[in-house]
Amino acid sequence: MISYIHAPVLAACFFTLLFMRRWWLYIDRMGFSREVGRRAPSLVQGDILAATLAIVPFLVAAVDWFGITLPRQSAPIAPGMAALISVVCLSGCVFVLRNSGQRFAGHWAGTRESALRTVVALRIIDASELAHALDVLQQHEARQFNDRTIDAEAREVRK
């Protein structure tokens, strides 16, 4: 029996995968894929997890529609269970991408802009972290060497 309850879930997963692929294509076309992977590894890992969760409903729908019996099962998967698995996977994908904000736009120009905006934001974050680290280092050096004065006459070097 074919259940068409998968159709809206598959449509949502398809467009999610399309927008994610488009964003990563622009990052790669601009030559920033290594930089984004180095500066934000959790972004890459989250997108891989979200893409995996978005692909699973396609597999579950195929198993349901074609009546494939999974290993160690006596009968094909029930349509209700297949629909539940698809909805749970889509919910997991949305949960993983909850902080993506405006990163995935619906059109090509918006995708290009959001990819560039992400790279710039990562560079700004790195620059501010570096500035803060330098300030802390200068404060530490000032505190450490503030009490010590080197007097040339106090320290004589004998030959």
N, C-alpha and C. Protein backbone atom coordinates (compact mmCIF):
# COMPACT_ATOMS: atom_id res chain seq x y z
N MET A 1 0.84 -1.18 0.00
CA MET A 1 0.00 0.00 0.00
C MET A 1 0.89 1.24 0.00
N ILE A 2 0.57 2.17 -0.86
CA ILE A 2 1.35 3.40 -0.96
C ILE A 2 0.68 4.47 -0.11
N SER A 3 1.44 5.03 0.81
CA SER A 3 0.92 6.14 1.62
C SER A 3 1.57 7.43 1.14
N TYR A 4 0.74 8.38 0.85
CA TYR A 4 1.24 9.66 0.34
C TYR A 4 1.50 10.67 1.46
N ILE A 5 1.48 10.21 2.68
CA ILE A 5 1.75 11.11 3.80
C ILE A 5 3.22 11.56 3.80
N HIS A 6 4.06 10.82 3.08
CA HIS A 6 5.47 11.19 2.99
C HIS A 6 5.70 12.41 2.11
N ALA A 7 4.76 12.72 1.23
CA ALA A 7 4.98 13.78 0.23
C ALA A 7 5.35 15.13 0.84
N PRO A 8 4.61 15.67 1.83
CA PRO A 8 5.03 16.97 2.38
C PRO A 8 6.37 16.90 3.11
N VAL A 9 6.64 15.80 3.77
CA VAL A 9 7.92 15.64 4.47
C VAL A 9 9.06 15.59 3.45
N LEU A 10 8.86 14.86 2.37
CA LEU A 10 9.89 14.77 1.33
C LEU A 10 10.10 16.11 0.65
N ALA A 11 9.03 16.88 0.46
CA ALA A 11 9.18 18.21 -0.15
C ALA A 11 10.02 19.11 0.76
N ALA A 12 9.73 19.10 2.05
CA ALA A 12 10.50 19.92 2.99
C ALA A 12 11.96 19.48 3.03
N CYS A 13 12.20 18.17 3.02
CA CYS A 13 13.58 17.67 3.03
C CYS A 13 14.30 18.02 1.74
N PHE A 14 13.60 17.94 0.60
CA PHE A 14 14.21 18.27 -0.68
C PHE A 14 14.67 19.72 -0.70
N PHE A 15 13.81 20.64 -0.28
CA PHE A 15 14.19 22.05 -0.32
C PHE A 15 15.27 22.38 0.71
N THR A 16 15.25 21.71 1.84
CA THR A 16 16.32 21.90 2.82
C THR A 16 17.66 21.47 2.24
N LEU A 17 17.69 20.31 1.61
CA LEU A 17 18.92 19.84 0.98
C LEU A 17 19.36 20.75 -0.16
N LEU A 18 18.40 21.25 -0.93
CA LEU A 18 18.71 22.14 -2.04
C LEU A 18 19.37 23.43 -1.54
N PHE A 19 18.80 24.02 -0.50
CA PHE A 19 19.35 25.28 0.03
C PHE A 19 20.71 25.06 0.67
N MET A 20 20.88 23.94 1.38
CA MET A 20 22.18 23.64 1.98
C MET A 20 23.23 23.43 0.90
N ARG A 21 22.90 22.68 -0.13
CA ARG A 21 23.84 22.42 -1.22
C ARG A 21 24.22 23.72 -1.93
N ARG A 22 23.24 24.57 -2.17
CA ARG A 22 23.50 25.84 -2.84
C ARG A 22 24.44 26.71 -2.01
N TRP A 23 24.24 26.75 -0.69
CA TRP A 23 25.09 27.57 0.18
C TRP A 23 26.52 27.06 0.16
N TRP A 24 26.70 25.73 0.26
CA TRP A 24 28.05 25.17 0.25
C TRP A 24 28.71 25.30 -1.12
N LEU A 25 27.92 25.28 -2.19
CA LEU A 25 28.49 25.51 -3.52
C LEU A 25 29.05 26.92 -3.63
N TYR A 26 28.33 27.90 -3.09
CA TYR A 26 28.85 29.26 -3.13
C TYR A 26 30.10 29.42 -2.26
N ILE A 27 30.12 28.80 -1.11
CA ILE A 27 31.32 28.84 -0.27
C ILE A 27 32.49 28.25 -1.04
N ASP A 28 32.26 27.15 -1.74
CA ASP A 28 33.33 26.50 -2.51
C ASP A 28 33.73 27.34 -3.72
N ARG A 29 32.77 27.95 -4.40
CA ARG A 29 33.10 28.78 -5.57
C ARG A 29 33.93 29.99 -5.18
N MET A 30 33.68 30.54 -4.01
CA MET A 30 34.47 31.68 -3.55
C MET A 30 35.82 31.25 -3.00
N GLY A 31 36.02 29.95 -2.81
CA GLY A 31 37.30 29.44 -2.34
C GLY A 31 37.47 29.49 -0.83
N PHE A 32 36.37 29.51 -0.09
CA PHE A 32 36.45 29.64 1.36
C PHE A 32 36.06 28.36 2.09
N SER A 33 35.97 27.23 1.41
CA SER A 33 35.51 26.02 2.09
C SER A 33 36.50 25.55 3.15
N ARG A 34 37.79 25.64 2.89
CA ARG A 34 38.77 25.26 3.92
C ARG A 34 38.75 26.23 5.08
N GLU A 35 38.61 27.51 4.77
CA GLU A 35 38.58 28.52 5.82
C GLU A 35 37.37 28.34 6.73
N VAL A 36 36.21 28.11 6.14
CA VAL A 36 35.00 27.89 6.94
C VAL A 36 35.14 26.60 7.74
N GLY A 37 35.68 25.56 7.14
CA GLY A 37 35.87 24.30 7.86
C GLY A 37 36.85 24.42 9.01
N ARG A 38 37.86 25.28 8.85
CA ARG A 38 38.85 25.47 9.90
C ARG A 38 38.32 26.39 11.01
N ARG A 39 37.62 27.44 10.63
CA ARG A 39 37.16 28.40 11.63
C ARG A 39 35.87 27.98 12.32
N ALA A 40 35.05 27.21 11.64
CA ALA A 40 33.78 26.78 12.23
C ALA A 40 33.53 25.30 11.95
N PRO A 41 34.27 24.42 12.61
CA PRO A 41 34.07 22.99 12.35
C PRO A 41 32.69 22.50 12.78
N SER A 42 32.09 23.13 13.77
CA SER A 42 30.76 22.71 14.19
C SER A 42 29.71 23.04 13.13
N LEU A 43 29.97 24.06 12.32
CA LEU A 43 29.07 24.40 11.22
C LEU A 43 29.07 23.28 10.18
N VAL A 44 30.23 22.79 9.85
CA VAL A 44 30.35 21.69 8.87
C VAL A 44 29.72 20.42 9.43
N GLN A 45 30.02 20.10 10.67
CA GLN A 45 29.48 18.89 11.28
C GLN A 45 27.97 18.96 11.42
N GLY A 46 27.45 20.12 11.79
CA GLY A 46 26.00 20.29 11.90
C GLY A 46 25.31 20.15 10.56
N ASP A 47 25.92 20.69 9.51
CA ASP A 47 25.32 20.56 8.18
C ASP A 47 25.37 19.12 7.67
N ILE A 48 26.43 18.40 7.98
CA ILE A 48 26.50 16.99 7.59
C ILE A 48 25.43 16.19 8.32
N LEU A 49 25.26 16.45 9.60
CA LEU A 49 24.22 15.76 10.37
C LEU A 49 22.83 16.11 9.85
N ALA A 50 22.60 17.39 9.57
CA ALA A 50 21.29 17.81 9.05
C ALA A 50 21.02 17.20 7.68
N ALA A 51 22.03 17.13 6.83
CA ALA A 51 21.84 16.52 5.51
C ALA A 51 21.54 15.03 5.64
N THR A 52 22.20 14.36 6.56
CA THR A 52 21.93 12.94 6.77
C THR A 52 20.50 12.73 7.25
N LEU A 53 20.07 13.57 8.19
CA LEU A 53 18.69 13.46 8.69
C LEU A 53 17.68 13.83 7.61
N ALA A 54 18.04 14.68 6.66
CA ALA A 54 17.12 15.04 5.59
C ALA A 54 17.08 13.98 4.49
N ILE A 55 18.09 13.14 4.38
CA ILE A 55 18.11 12.08 3.37
C ILE A 55 17.34 10.84 3.85
N VAL A 56 17.32 10.60 5.14
CA VAL A 56 16.67 9.40 5.68
C VAL A 56 15.19 9.29 5.28
N PRO A 57 14.39 10.37 5.30
CA PRO A 57 12.99 10.21 4.88
C PRO A 57 12.82 9.71 3.44
N PHE A 58 13.75 10.03 2.55
CA PHE A 58 13.68 9.50 1.19
C PHE A 58 13.85 7.98 1.20
N LEU A 59 14.79 7.50 2.00
CA LEU A 59 15.01 6.06 2.10
C LEU A 59 13.83 5.35 2.75
N VAL A 60 13.29 5.96 3.80
CA VAL A 60 12.15 5.35 4.49
C VAL A 60 10.93 5.32 3.57
N ALA A 61 10.72 6.39 2.81
CA ALA A 61 9.59 6.41 1.87
C ALA A 61 9.76 5.34 0.79
N ALA A 62 10.98 5.16 0.30
CA ALA A 62 11.23 4.13 -0.71
C ALA A 62 10.97 2.74 -0.14
N VAL A 63 11.41 2.51 1.09
CA VAL A 63 11.16 1.22 1.74
C VAL A 63 9.66 0.99 1.91
N ASP A 64 8.94 2.04 2.29
CA ASP A 64 7.50 1.93 2.49
C ASP A 64 6.77 1.74 1.16
N TRP A 65 7.09 2.54 0.17
CA TRP A 65 6.36 2.49 -1.10
C TRP A 65 6.62 1.21 -1.88
N PHE A 66 7.84 0.69 -1.84
CA PHE A 66 8.17 -0.51 -2.60
C PHE A 66 7.98 -1.79 -1.80
N GLY A 67 7.59 -1.67 -0.54
CA GLY A 67 7.32 -2.85 0.28
C GLY A 67 8.55 -3.68 0.56
N ILE A 68 9.67 -3.04 0.73
CA ILE A 68 10.93 -3.75 0.98
C ILE A 68 10.93 -4.25 2.42
N THR A 69 11.27 -5.50 2.59
CA THR A 69 11.38 -6.07 3.93
C THR A 69 12.81 -5.88 4.40
N LEU A 70 12.96 -5.23 5.53
CA LEU A 70 14.28 -4.97 6.08
C LEU A 70 14.86 -6.24 6.69
N PRO A 71 16.18 -6.31 6.84
CA PRO A 71 16.79 -7.51 7.44
C PRO A 71 16.25 -7.77 8.85
N ARG A 72 16.06 -9.04 9.14
CA ARG A 72 15.56 -9.52 10.44
C ARG A 72 14.13 -9.07 10.73
N GLN A 73 13.38 -8.72 9.70
CA GLN A 73 11.97 -8.37 9.85
C GLN A 73 11.14 -9.38 9.08
N SER A 74 9.96 -9.68 9.59
CA SER A 74 9.12 -10.67 8.91
C SER A 74 8.20 -10.04 7.88
N ALA A 75 7.95 -8.74 8.01
CA ALA A 75 7.04 -8.05 7.08
C ALA A 75 7.59 -6.66 6.77
N PRO A 76 7.09 -6.05 5.70
CA PRO A 76 7.52 -4.67 5.41
C PRO A 76 7.11 -3.72 6.53
N ILE A 77 7.74 -2.57 6.56
CA ILE A 77 7.47 -1.59 7.61
C ILE A 77 6.04 -1.05 7.47
N ALA A 78 5.40 -0.81 8.58
CA ALA A 78 4.04 -0.28 8.57
C ALA A 78 4.06 1.17 8.09
N PRO A 79 3.07 1.59 7.30
CA PRO A 79 3.06 2.96 6.78
C PRO A 79 3.05 4.02 7.88
N GLY A 80 2.35 3.75 8.97
CA GLY A 80 2.33 4.71 10.08
C GLY A 80 3.69 4.87 10.73
N MET A 81 4.37 3.76 10.90
CA MET A 81 5.71 3.80 11.49
C MET A 81 6.69 4.50 10.55
N ALA A 82 6.57 4.24 9.26
CA ALA A 82 7.44 4.90 8.28
C ALA A 82 7.21 6.41 8.28
N ALA A 83 5.95 6.81 8.37
CA ALA A 83 5.64 8.25 8.41
C ALA A 83 6.18 8.87 9.69
N LEU A 84 6.07 8.17 10.80
CA LEU A 84 6.60 8.68 12.06
C LEU A 84 8.11 8.84 12.00
N ILE A 85 8.80 7.87 11.43
CA ILE A 85 10.26 7.97 11.30
C ILE A 85 10.64 9.15 10.43
N SER A 86 9.89 9.36 9.34
CA SER A 86 10.18 10.49 8.45
C SER A 86 9.98 11.83 9.16
N VAL A 87 8.89 11.95 9.90
CA VAL A 87 8.62 13.21 10.62
C VAL A 87 9.66 13.45 11.70
N VAL A 88 10.07 12.40 12.39
CA VAL A 88 11.09 12.55 13.44
C VAL A 88 12.43 12.97 12.82
N CYS A 89 12.78 12.40 11.68
CA CYS A 89 14.03 12.79 11.02
C CYS A 89 13.98 14.23 10.54
N LEU A 90 12.83 14.65 10.00
CA LEU A 90 12.69 16.05 9.58
C LEU A 90 12.76 16.98 10.79
N SER A 91 12.15 16.59 11.89
CA SER A 91 12.23 17.40 13.11
C SER A 91 13.66 17.49 13.62
N GLY A 92 14.40 16.40 13.56
CA GLY A 92 15.81 16.43 13.95
C GLY A 92 16.62 17.34 13.06
N CYS A 93 16.33 17.32 11.77
CA CYS A 93 17.03 18.20 10.82
C CYS A 93 16.75 19.66 11.14
N VAL A 94 15.49 19.98 11.41
CA VAL A 94 15.13 21.36 11.77
C VAL A 94 15.79 21.75 13.08
N PHE A 95 15.87 20.83 14.04
CA PHE A 95 16.51 21.13 15.32
C PHE A 95 17.99 21.42 15.14
N VAL A 96 18.66 20.65 14.29
CA VAL A 96 20.09 20.88 14.06
C VAL A 96 20.32 22.22 13.38
N LEU A 97 19.42 22.61 12.48
CA LEU A 97 19.57 23.86 11.73
C LEU A 97 18.88 25.04 12.39
N ARG A 98 18.51 24.93 13.66
CA ARG A 98 17.74 25.99 14.32
C ARG A 98 18.51 27.31 14.42
N ASN A 99 19.83 27.26 14.48
CA ASN A 99 20.63 28.48 14.61
C ASN A 99 21.21 28.96 13.29
N SER A 100 20.74 28.40 12.20
CA SER A 100 21.31 28.80 10.91
C SER A 100 20.83 30.18 10.48
N GLY A 101 19.72 30.64 11.03
CA GLY A 101 19.24 31.99 10.74
C GLY A 101 18.95 32.21 9.28
N GLN A 102 19.54 33.25 8.73
CA GLN A 102 19.30 33.61 7.34
C GLN A 102 20.34 33.00 6.41
N ARG A 103 21.01 31.97 6.85
CA ARG A 103 22.07 31.38 6.05
C ARG A 103 21.55 30.72 4.78
N PHE A 104 20.40 30.10 4.86
CA PHE A 104 19.83 29.43 3.69
C PHE A 104 18.73 30.29 3.11
N ALA A 105 19.03 30.96 2.01
CA ALA A 105 18.06 31.83 1.35
C ALA A 105 17.33 31.04 0.27
N GLY A 106 16.21 31.57 -0.17
CA GLY A 106 15.42 30.89 -1.17
C GLY A 106 15.82 31.21 -2.60
N HIS A 107 16.75 32.13 -2.79
CA HIS A 107 17.15 32.51 -4.15
C HIS A 107 18.67 32.59 -4.21
N TRP A 108 19.20 32.61 -5.45
CA TRP A 108 20.64 32.54 -5.66
C TRP A 108 21.37 33.76 -5.11
N ALA A 109 20.82 34.95 -5.31
CA ALA A 109 21.50 36.16 -4.84
C ALA A 109 21.57 36.20 -3.32
N GLY A 110 20.50 35.80 -2.67
CA GLY A 110 20.50 35.76 -1.21
C GLY A 110 21.45 34.72 -0.66
N THR A 111 21.59 33.63 -1.37
CA THR A 111 22.53 32.59 -0.95
C THR A 111 23.97 33.09 -1.06
N ARG A 112 24.26 33.78 -2.15
CA ARG A 112 25.61 34.33 -2.33
C ARG A 112 25.91 35.33 -1.21
N GLU A 113 24.95 36.19 -0.92
CA GLU A 113 25.15 37.19 0.13
C GLU A 113 25.32 36.53 1.50
N SER A 114 24.52 35.52 1.79
CA SER A 114 24.63 34.88 3.11
C SER A 114 25.94 34.11 3.25
N ALA A 115 26.43 33.53 2.16
CA ALA A 115 27.73 32.84 2.21
C ALA A 115 28.84 33.84 2.50
N LEU A 116 28.81 34.97 1.82
CA LEU A 116 29.82 36.00 2.05
C LEU A 116 29.70 36.58 3.45
N ARG A 117 28.47 36.77 3.91
CA ARG A 117 28.24 37.30 5.26
C ARG A 117 28.79 36.35 6.31
N THR A 118 28.65 35.06 6.10
CA THR A 118 29.16 34.07 7.04
C THR A 118 30.68 34.11 7.11
N VAL A 119 31.33 34.19 5.96
CA VAL A 119 32.80 34.25 5.93
C VAL A 119 33.29 35.51 6.64
N VAL A 120 32.64 36.64 6.37
CA VAL A 120 33.03 37.90 7.01
C VAL A 120 32.81 37.82 8.52
N ALA A 121 31.70 37.25 8.95
CA ALA A 121 31.44 37.13 10.39
C ALA A 121 32.49 36.25 11.06
N LEU A 122 32.89 35.18 10.42
CA LEU A 122 33.93 34.32 11.00
C LEU A 122 35.26 35.06 11.10
N ARG A 123 35.58 35.88 10.10
CA ARG A 123 36.82 36.66 10.17
C ARG A 123 36.76 37.72 11.26
N ILE A 124 35.61 38.36 11.43
CA ILE A 124 35.45 39.36 12.49
C ILE A 124 35.59 38.70 13.86
N ILE A 125 35.00 37.54 14.02
CA ILE A 125 35.10 36.82 15.30
C ILE A 125 36.56 36.48 15.59
N ASP A 126 37.28 35.98 14.60
CA ASP A 126 38.70 35.66 14.81
C ASP A 126 39.52 36.90 15.15
N ALA A 127 39.25 38.02 14.47
CA ALA A 127 39.99 39.25 14.75
C ALA A 127 39.70 39.76 16.15
N SER A 128 38.44 39.68 16.59
CA SER A 128 38.13 40.15 17.94
C SER A 128 38.73 39.23 19.00
N GLU A 129 38.76 37.92 18.74
CA GLU A 129 39.40 37.01 19.69
C GLU A 129 40.90 37.28 19.78
N LEU A 130 41.53 37.57 18.65
CA LEU A 130 42.96 37.89 18.65
C LEU A 130 43.22 39.19 19.40
N ALA A 131 42.38 40.21 19.18
CA ALA A 131 42.56 41.48 19.89
C ALA A 131 42.40 41.30 21.39
N HIS A 132 41.43 40.50 21.80
CA HIS A 132 41.23 40.25 23.23
C HIS A 132 42.43 39.49 23.81
N ALA A 133 42.94 38.51 23.08
CA ALA A 133 44.10 37.76 23.57
C ALA A 133 45.32 38.65 23.71
N LEU A 134 45.51 39.57 22.78
CA LEU A 134 46.64 40.50 22.88
C LEU A 134 46.48 41.45 24.06
N ASP A 135 45.26 41.91 24.33
CA ASP A 135 45.02 42.76 25.49
C ASP A 135 45.33 42.02 26.79
N VAL A 136 44.89 40.80 26.89
CA VAL A 136 45.16 40.00 28.09
C VAL A 136 46.65 39.77 28.25
N LEU A 137 47.35 39.50 27.15
CA LEU A 137 48.79 39.30 27.20
C LEU A 137 49.52 40.56 27.66
N GLN A 138 49.12 41.71 27.15
CA GLN A 138 49.75 42.97 27.57
C GLN A 138 49.48 43.26 29.04
N GLN A 139 48.27 42.99 29.51
CA GLN A 139 47.97 43.20 30.93
C GLN A 139 48.80 42.26 31.80
N HIS A 140 48.95 41.04 31.37
CA HIS A 140 49.74 40.07 32.14
C HIS A 140 51.21 40.49 32.18
N GLU A 141 51.75 40.92 31.05
CA GLU A 141 53.14 41.36 31.02
C GLU A 141 53.34 42.60 31.87
N ALA A 142 52.40 43.52 31.85
CA ALA A 142 52.52 44.74 32.65
C ALA A 142 52.50 44.41 34.14
N ARG A 143 51.65 43.47 34.53
CA ARG A 143 51.57 43.07 35.92
C ARG A 143 52.82 42.31 36.35
N GLN A 144 53.35 41.50 35.48
CA GLN A 144 54.49 40.66 35.83
C GLN A 144 55.78 41.47 35.96
N PHE A 145 56.00 42.39 35.06
CA PHE A 145 57.26 43.13 35.05
C PHE A 145 57.15 44.51 35.69
N ASN A 146 56.04 44.82 36.30
CA ASN A 146 55.84 46.14 36.90
C ASN A 146 56.71 46.32 38.14
N ASP A 147 56.88 45.28 38.94
CA ASP A 147 57.64 45.38 40.18
C ASP A 147 59.14 45.23 39.97
N ARG A 148 59.56 44.71 38.89
CA ARG A 148 60.97 44.45 38.65
C ARG A 148 61.58 45.57 37.82
N THR A 149 62.56 46.20 38.39
CA THR A 149 63.34 47.17 37.62
C THR A 149 64.77 46.68 37.61
N ILE A 150 65.36 46.77 36.50
CA ILE A 150 66.74 46.29 36.37
C ILE A 150 67.67 47.48 36.61
N ASP A 151 68.46 47.36 37.63
CA ASP A 151 69.43 48.40 37.94
C ASP A 151 70.80 47.90 37.47
N ALA A 152 71.41 48.68 36.64
CA ALA A 152 72.69 48.26 36.06
C ALA A 152 73.78 48.16 37.11
N GLU A 153 73.75 49.02 38.12
CA GLU A 153 74.79 49.00 39.14
C GLU A 153 74.55 47.91 40.16
N ALA A 154 73.30 47.51 40.35
CA ALA A 154 73.00 46.47 41.33
C ALA A 154 73.48 45.10 40.87
N ARG A 155 73.47 44.90 39.59
CA ARG A 155 73.92 43.62 39.05
C ARG A 155 75.22 43.82 38.31
N GLU A 156 76.26 43.42 38.94
CA GLU A 156 77.56 43.52 38.29
C GLU A 156 77.94 42.16 37.75
N VAL A 157 78.52 42.19 36.63
CA VAL A 157 78.97 40.96 36.01
C VAL A 157 80.47 40.88 36.21
N ARG A 158 80.93 39.82 36.82
CA ARG A 158 82.36 39.65 37.06
C ARG A 158 82.97 38.87 35.92
N LYS A 159 84.14 39.31 35.59
CA LYS A 159 84.84 38.64 34.50
C LYS A 159 85.92 37.76 35.03
